[in-house]
């Protein structure tokens, strides 16, 4: 299964409550923090909600 490397590149300050909750559910709380998740539709949906503060890379 493919993996996604997700990095938080902008602050969550000023985001709507559910957007901030999405970022935290992905395991991202601090700028520059990186998490690796499986590439599933569930994770892709969470990324889509906050894609403007994330950097996403596919890992082979």
N, C-alpha and C. Protein backbone atom coordinates (compact mmCIF):
# COMPACT_ATOMS: atom_id res chain seq x y z
N UNK A 1 0.83 -1.18 0.00
CA UNK A 1 0.00 0.00 0.00
C UNK A 1 0.88 1.25 0.00
N UNK A 2 0.50 2.24 -0.77
CA UNK A 2 1.26 3.49 -0.86
C UNK A 2 1.14 4.27 0.45
N UNK A 3 2.14 5.08 0.70
CA UNK A 3 2.17 5.89 1.91
C UNK A 3 2.23 7.37 1.51
N UNK A 4 1.76 8.23 2.41
CA UNK A 4 1.80 9.67 2.21
C UNK A 4 2.61 10.30 3.32
N UNK A 5 3.53 11.18 2.94
CA UNK A 5 4.30 11.95 3.91
C UNK A 5 3.66 13.33 3.98
N UNK A 6 3.10 13.66 5.14
CA UNK A 6 2.35 14.89 5.30
C UNK A 6 3.10 15.82 6.25
N UNK A 7 3.34 17.06 5.80
CA UNK A 7 4.07 18.05 6.59
C UNK A 7 3.20 19.28 6.80
N UNK A 8 3.16 19.77 8.04
CA UNK A 8 2.44 21.00 8.34
C UNK A 8 3.36 22.18 8.04
N UNK A 9 2.97 23.04 7.08
CA UNK A 9 3.85 24.14 6.67
C UNK A 9 3.35 25.51 7.12
N UNK A 10 2.10 25.61 7.55
CA UNK A 10 1.56 26.87 8.05
C UNK A 10 0.88 26.63 9.38
N UNK A 11 0.70 27.69 10.14
CA UNK A 11 0.09 27.60 11.45
C UNK A 11 -1.40 27.30 11.37
N UNK A 12 -1.92 26.68 12.42
CA UNK A 12 -3.35 26.40 12.48
C UNK A 12 -4.11 27.53 13.18
N UNK A 13 -3.39 28.56 13.61
CA UNK A 13 -4.04 29.70 14.25
C UNK A 13 -4.95 30.39 13.24
N UNK A 14 -6.16 30.68 13.63
CA UNK A 14 -7.10 31.37 12.76
C UNK A 14 -7.94 30.46 11.90
N UNK A 15 -7.72 29.16 11.98
CA UNK A 15 -8.53 28.23 11.20
C UNK A 15 -9.88 28.01 11.87
N UNK A 16 -10.84 27.58 11.09
CA UNK A 16 -12.13 27.19 11.61
C UNK A 16 -11.94 25.97 12.50
N UNK A 17 -12.81 25.80 13.47
CA UNK A 17 -12.69 24.73 14.48
C UNK A 17 -12.51 23.34 13.85
N UNK A 18 -13.33 23.03 12.83
CA UNK A 18 -13.23 21.69 12.24
C UNK A 18 -11.96 21.51 11.40
N UNK A 19 -11.43 22.59 10.84
CA UNK A 19 -10.17 22.49 10.09
C UNK A 19 -9.02 22.21 11.04
N UNK A 20 -9.01 22.89 12.17
CA UNK A 20 -7.96 22.67 13.16
C UNK A 20 -8.04 21.24 13.70
N UNK A 21 -9.26 20.75 13.92
CA UNK A 21 -9.45 19.38 14.40
C UNK A 21 -8.95 18.37 13.38
N UNK A 22 -9.13 18.66 12.09
CA UNK A 22 -8.64 17.76 11.03
C UNK A 22 -7.13 17.68 11.04
N UNK A 23 -6.47 18.82 11.19
CA UNK A 23 -5.01 18.83 11.23
C UNK A 23 -4.50 18.04 12.44
N UNK A 24 -5.13 18.21 13.57
CA UNK A 24 -4.72 17.48 14.78
C UNK A 24 -5.02 16.00 14.65
N UNK A 25 -6.11 15.64 13.98
CA UNK A 25 -6.44 14.23 13.78
C UNK A 25 -5.42 13.55 12.86
N UNK A 26 -4.80 14.32 11.99
CA UNK A 26 -3.72 13.79 11.16
C UNK A 26 -2.43 13.66 11.96
N UNK A 27 -2.42 14.18 13.18
CA UNK A 27 -1.25 14.08 14.05
C UNK A 27 -0.31 15.26 13.92
N UNK A 28 -0.81 16.37 13.37
CA UNK A 28 0.03 17.55 13.13
C UNK A 28 -0.37 18.69 14.05
N UNK A 29 0.55 19.09 14.92
CA UNK A 29 0.27 20.17 15.85
C UNK A 29 1.24 21.33 15.71
N UNK A 30 2.48 21.05 15.32
CA UNK A 30 3.50 22.09 15.23
C UNK A 30 3.96 22.26 13.79
N UNK A 31 4.33 23.47 13.42
CA UNK A 31 4.83 23.73 12.08
C UNK A 31 6.11 22.92 11.86
N UNK A 32 6.19 22.29 10.70
CA UNK A 32 7.35 21.47 10.36
C UNK A 32 7.22 20.02 10.78
N UNK A 33 6.18 19.70 11.51
CA UNK A 33 5.97 18.33 11.96
C UNK A 33 5.58 17.45 10.77
N UNK A 34 6.10 16.23 10.75
CA UNK A 34 5.86 15.30 9.64
C UNK A 34 5.23 14.02 10.17
N UNK A 35 4.23 13.52 9.47
CA UNK A 35 3.61 12.24 9.78
C UNK A 35 3.48 11.44 8.50
N UNK A 36 3.55 10.13 8.64
CA UNK A 36 3.38 9.24 7.49
C UNK A 36 2.12 8.41 7.72
N UNK A 37 1.24 8.45 6.73
CA UNK A 37 -0.04 7.72 6.80
C UNK A 37 -0.19 6.86 5.56
N UNK A 38 -1.00 5.82 5.66
CA UNK A 38 -1.37 5.02 4.49
C UNK A 38 -2.25 5.85 3.58
N UNK A 39 -2.15 5.63 2.29
CA UNK A 39 -2.94 6.36 1.30
C UNK A 39 -4.32 5.72 1.20
N UNK A 40 -5.27 6.23 1.99
CA UNK A 40 -6.64 5.73 1.98
C UNK A 40 -7.59 6.88 1.65
N UNK A 41 -8.79 6.57 1.20
CA UNK A 41 -9.76 7.63 0.92
C UNK A 41 -10.08 8.48 2.16
N UNK A 42 -10.07 7.87 3.31
CA UNK A 42 -10.33 8.59 4.56
C UNK A 42 -9.27 9.66 4.81
N UNK A 43 -8.01 9.29 4.68
CA UNK A 43 -6.90 10.23 4.88
C UNK A 43 -6.89 11.29 3.79
N UNK A 44 -7.16 10.89 2.54
CA UNK A 44 -7.21 11.85 1.43
C UNK A 44 -8.28 12.91 1.67
N UNK A 45 -9.43 12.52 2.21
CA UNK A 45 -10.49 13.47 2.52
C UNK A 45 -10.08 14.46 3.59
N UNK A 46 -9.38 13.98 4.61
CA UNK A 46 -8.90 14.86 5.67
C UNK A 46 -7.88 15.85 5.12
N UNK A 47 -7.01 15.38 4.23
CA UNK A 47 -6.00 16.25 3.63
C UNK A 47 -6.68 17.32 2.77
N UNK A 48 -7.72 16.94 2.04
CA UNK A 48 -8.40 17.88 1.15
C UNK A 48 -9.01 19.05 1.93
N UNK A 49 -9.45 18.81 3.15
CA UNK A 49 -10.07 19.87 3.96
C UNK A 49 -9.07 20.94 4.39
N UNK A 50 -7.79 20.56 4.55
CA UNK A 50 -6.79 21.51 5.03
C UNK A 50 -5.55 21.54 4.12
N UNK A 51 -5.75 21.30 2.83
CA UNK A 51 -4.61 21.20 1.91
C UNK A 51 -3.81 22.49 1.78
N UNK A 52 -4.38 23.64 2.13
CA UNK A 52 -3.69 24.91 2.00
C UNK A 52 -2.64 25.15 3.09
N UNK A 53 -2.58 24.30 4.10
CA UNK A 53 -1.55 24.42 5.15
C UNK A 53 -0.63 23.20 5.18
N UNK A 54 -0.81 22.29 4.22
CA UNK A 54 -0.04 21.04 4.21
C UNK A 54 0.83 20.92 2.96
N UNK A 55 1.87 20.12 3.10
CA UNK A 55 2.67 19.67 1.96
C UNK A 55 2.57 18.15 1.97
N UNK A 56 2.12 17.57 0.87
CA UNK A 56 1.89 16.13 0.81
C UNK A 56 2.78 15.53 -0.28
N UNK A 57 3.49 14.45 0.09
CA UNK A 57 4.35 13.73 -0.85
C UNK A 57 3.99 12.25 -0.79
N UNK A 58 4.01 11.61 -1.96
CA UNK A 58 3.77 10.17 -2.02
C UNK A 58 5.11 9.45 -1.85
N UNK A 59 5.09 8.41 -1.03
CA UNK A 59 6.28 7.59 -0.81
C UNK A 59 6.02 6.23 -1.46
N UNK A 60 6.95 5.79 -2.26
CA UNK A 60 6.79 4.52 -2.98
C UNK A 60 6.95 3.34 -2.05
